Each structure stands twice: as C-alpha cells, then as structure tokens.
Amino acid sequence: MVDTLIIVLFVFTIFICMKDINEYIKESYTERIAHLDLESECVEIGGNSTAFKGLLSYVLGVTIPKSSKILLCHKCHNGKCSNPKHLYYGTPKENLEDQKENGTWIPVWERMIQKYGYEGACKINSKGNKAAGGLANKGKPKSENHKKRIADAIKKKWEDSKK
C-alpha cells in the first residue's frame, strides 16, 4: 500500500511539474540548447528516437512531443547517440539549417538513389500521382519512349544540381 502511494505521488509530481513541450518549443533556440555539452562523448545504447524523446523529456522536465512539428535533433550529428547532453528539441526548419551547416543534408533525390539505385529511383519517380487514383495519367499507361524521356529529364536535372 505504501509503495503504491509513493508511486502515485511520484507520477503526480512529475505530471504537475513537467512543462508542456508546445510551450517549451516556443523558447528561443539559445535557451533550448543551453543544456548541451558537446565536450562529452556520444553514448550509443541502441534504441530509436521514441526512446530518446522519452529520455530527453525526462531530463528537461517537459512532456513528450506527439507532433511531427517538434523533432528530436542531434547536435553531435550522430543519429545513434542517446546522450541527453547532445540532444535537443527543435523545429523542422532548425533541423534542416543544422544539417546544411554541418554538411550532412542530402536532397531527397540523392537519398532515393542511395537507397534504391538510379534506375530504381527513376522507376519510383515515374509512377505518377498515386493519390489521384490513376487520374494523374488520365488513365493511360505511359509509353516506353515517354518513360525514357522522363528518366532522361530527371537524370539531367540531377546532374545539373551536382554542378
């Protein structure tokens, strides 16, 4: 009975004392990264961003974000790191800026090529608008010549972006 009471009081205290993540994210970027210590080493304990969000929320005393508009960001640029002194909550814009400054940002097309190969990426990209239920192609299948022209245009655009 006493153990149950202690647990209930502990959970109640945490719930009452935790700051809402939606209020926390409105603080300035400087305030939200004030806890970081990049001199400490990365800690890779395994797990995923869901576990890391819980850990960071506990350390910061904030609720766990449920929205995709609040991201778990790794200031150390190591996606496997779970050291709370390297993690912070940020917006998609801040995360993109951080990736670009660090040189780790990869355009979507290049990530598709890395994952599926050039031909696979072209094939995926030439499928049309699936959400339109086939109406994106007006119900007509593309000819092989048309598919080749699309693939060539995509390849040229990709090569031009590399320059």
Protein backbone atom coordinates (compact mmCIF):
# COMPACT_ATOMS: atom_id res chain seq x y z
CA MET A 1 0.00 0.00 0.00
CA VAL A 2 2.79 2.42 0.93
CA ASP A 3 4.70 1.52 -2.25
CA THR A 4 1.63 2.25 -4.36
CA LEU A 5 1.13 5.59 -2.63
CA ILE A 6 4.77 6.56 -3.24
CA ILE A 7 4.49 5.67 -6.93
CA VAL A 8 1.23 7.61 -7.30
CA LEU A 9 2.78 10.67 -5.61
CA PHE A 10 5.90 10.39 -7.79
CA VAL A 11 3.88 10.17 -11.02
CA PHE A 12 1.58 13.01 -9.88
CA THR A 13 4.58 15.20 -9.02
CA ILE A 14 6.22 14.57 -12.40
CA PHE A 15 2.96 15.24 -14.25
CA ILE A 16 2.32 18.51 -12.41
CA CYS A 17 5.92 19.73 -12.61
CA MET A 18 6.55 18.94 -16.28
CA LYS A 19 6.40 21.79 -18.75
CA ASP A 20 4.25 21.35 -21.86
CA ILE A 21 6.50 20.67 -24.87
CA ASN A 22 4.40 23.04 -27.00
CA GLU A 23 5.29 25.89 -24.63
CA TYR A 24 8.91 24.76 -24.35
CA ILE A 25 9.45 24.80 -28.14
CA LYS A 26 8.43 28.49 -28.19
CA GLU A 27 11.51 29.35 -26.13
CA SER A 28 14.45 30.72 -28.08
CA TYR A 29 16.82 28.30 -29.79
CA THR A 30 19.61 29.50 -27.49
CA GLU A 31 17.56 28.67 -24.39
CA ARG A 32 16.63 25.22 -25.76
CA ILE A 33 20.27 24.25 -26.42
CA ALA A 34 21.65 25.69 -23.17
CA HIS A 35 21.87 22.21 -21.59
CA LEU A 36 24.14 20.86 -24.35
CA ASP A 37 27.70 19.77 -23.61
CA LEU A 38 29.37 18.59 -26.80
CA GLU A 39 32.66 18.01 -24.96
CA SER A 40 31.12 14.85 -23.51
CA GLU A 41 31.26 11.72 -25.64
CA CYS A 42 28.42 10.24 -27.68
CA VAL A 43 26.63 7.40 -25.95
CA GLU A 44 25.17 4.72 -28.24
CA ILE A 45 22.92 2.46 -26.18
CA GLY A 46 20.69 1.40 -29.05
CA GLY A 47 17.06 2.25 -29.41
CA ASN A 48 15.27 4.77 -31.56
CA SER A 49 14.02 8.33 -31.47
CA THR A 50 10.93 7.32 -29.48
CA ALA A 51 13.12 6.11 -26.61
CA PHE A 52 15.43 9.12 -26.92
CA LYS A 53 12.43 11.50 -26.81
CA GLY A 54 11.36 9.96 -23.51
CA LEU A 55 14.86 10.25 -22.12
CA LEU A 56 15.30 13.87 -23.23
CA SER A 57 11.84 14.84 -21.98
CA TYR A 58 12.64 13.36 -18.58
CA VAL A 59 15.98 15.22 -18.37
CA LEU A 60 14.45 18.54 -19.50
CA GLY A 61 11.26 18.13 -17.45
CA VAL A 62 8.95 18.53 -20.44
CA THR A 63 6.19 16.40 -21.87
CA ILE A 64 6.99 14.06 -24.77
CA PRO A 65 6.15 15.61 -28.16
CA LYS A 66 3.38 13.91 -30.09
CA SER A 67 3.53 16.22 -33.10
CA SER A 68 5.80 15.82 -36.11
CA LYS A 69 6.43 19.57 -35.87
CA ILE A 70 8.77 19.02 -32.91
CA LEU A 71 11.84 16.97 -33.78
CA LEU A 72 14.48 15.25 -31.70
CA CYS A 73 17.72 16.76 -33.02
CA HIS A 74 21.27 15.52 -32.51
CA LYS A 75 23.67 18.44 -32.12
CA CYS A 76 26.55 15.94 -32.33
CA HIS A 77 25.23 14.84 -35.78
CA ASN A 78 25.30 11.19 -34.69
CA GLY A 79 21.81 9.76 -35.20
CA LYS A 80 22.62 6.81 -32.92
CA CYS A 81 23.66 9.00 -29.98
CA SER A 82 21.41 8.92 -26.90
CA ASN A 83 23.42 11.29 -24.69
CA PRO A 84 20.87 13.90 -23.48
CA LYS A 85 23.68 16.46 -23.46
CA HIS A 86 23.83 16.10 -27.28
CA LEU A 87 20.05 16.05 -27.90
CA TYR A 88 17.60 18.92 -28.14
CA TYR A 89 14.08 19.54 -29.37
CA GLY A 90 13.90 21.63 -32.50
CA THR A 91 11.67 22.58 -35.38
CA PRO A 92 11.98 21.07 -38.87
CA LYS A 93 13.45 24.39 -40.07
CA GLU A 94 16.13 24.38 -37.35
CA ASN A 95 16.97 20.76 -38.08
CA LEU A 96 17.35 21.48 -41.82
CA GLU A 97 19.55 24.52 -41.14
CA ASP A 98 21.69 22.45 -38.77
CA GLN A 99 22.10 19.70 -41.39
CA LYS A 100 23.07 22.23 -44.08
CA GLU A 101 25.61 23.96 -41.80
CA ASN A 102 27.13 20.62 -40.88
CA GLY A 103 27.18 19.33 -44.45
CA THR A 104 25.02 16.29 -43.65
CA TRP A 105 21.95 17.40 -45.61
CA ILE A 106 21.20 15.21 -48.62
CA PRO A 107 18.47 16.12 -51.12
CA VAL A 108 15.54 13.69 -51.38
CA TRP A 109 16.54 12.61 -54.92
CA GLU A 110 20.05 11.66 -53.81
CA ARG A 111 18.70 9.73 -50.82
CA MET A 112 16.41 7.82 -53.19
CA ILE A 113 19.39 6.96 -55.40
CA GLN A 114 21.41 5.82 -52.37
CA LYS A 115 18.55 3.61 -51.20
CA TYR A 116 17.18 2.24 -54.50
CA GLY A 117 19.90 2.92 -57.09
CA TYR A 118 19.47 5.27 -60.04
CA GLU A 119 17.16 3.04 -62.09
CA GLY A 120 15.02 2.22 -59.05
CA ALA A 121 14.72 5.90 -58.13
CA CYS A 122 13.68 6.75 -61.70
CA LYS A 123 11.10 3.97 -61.62
CA ILE A 124 9.66 5.21 -58.32
CA ASN A 125 9.63 8.80 -59.54
CA SER A 126 7.83 7.94 -62.79
CA LYS A 127 4.82 6.27 -61.14
CA GLY A 128 2.61 9.36 -61.31
CA ASN A 129 0.37 10.67 -58.55
CA LYS A 130 -0.87 7.61 -56.63
CA ALA A 131 -3.21 9.78 -54.55
CA ALA A 132 -5.11 10.70 -57.73
CA GLY A 133 -6.16 7.08 -58.19
CA GLY A 134 -4.57 6.78 -61.63
CA LEU A 135 -6.13 10.03 -62.80
CA ALA A 136 -2.72 11.74 -62.85
CA ASN A 137 -2.01 9.86 -66.09
CA LYS A 138 -5.59 10.31 -67.30
CA GLY A 139 -5.96 6.54 -67.14
CA LYS A 140 -3.45 5.94 -69.94
CA PRO A 141 -0.23 3.99 -69.41
CA LYS A 142 2.97 5.79 -70.39
CA SER A 143 4.81 4.52 -73.44
CA GLU A 144 8.38 3.26 -73.06
CA ASN A 145 9.59 6.29 -75.05
CA HIS A 146 7.75 8.64 -72.69
CA LYS A 147 9.20 6.86 -69.63
CA LYS A 148 12.70 7.17 -71.13
CA ARG A 149 12.22 10.93 -71.72
CA ILE A 150 11.07 11.38 -68.12
CA ALA A 151 14.05 9.41 -66.81
CA ASP A 152 16.44 11.41 -69.00
CA ALA A 153 14.94 14.71 -67.79
CA ILE A 154 15.26 13.61 -64.16
CA LYS A 155 18.84 12.46 -64.73
CA LYS A 156 19.73 15.80 -66.38
CA LYS A 157 18.13 17.75 -63.54
CA TRP A 158 20.05 15.64 -61.01
CA GLU A 159 23.36 16.09 -62.84
CA ASP A 160 22.75 19.86 -63.13
CA SER A 161 22.12 20.06 -59.38
CA LYS A 162 25.54 18.44 -58.75
CA LYS A 163 27.33 21.28 -60.58
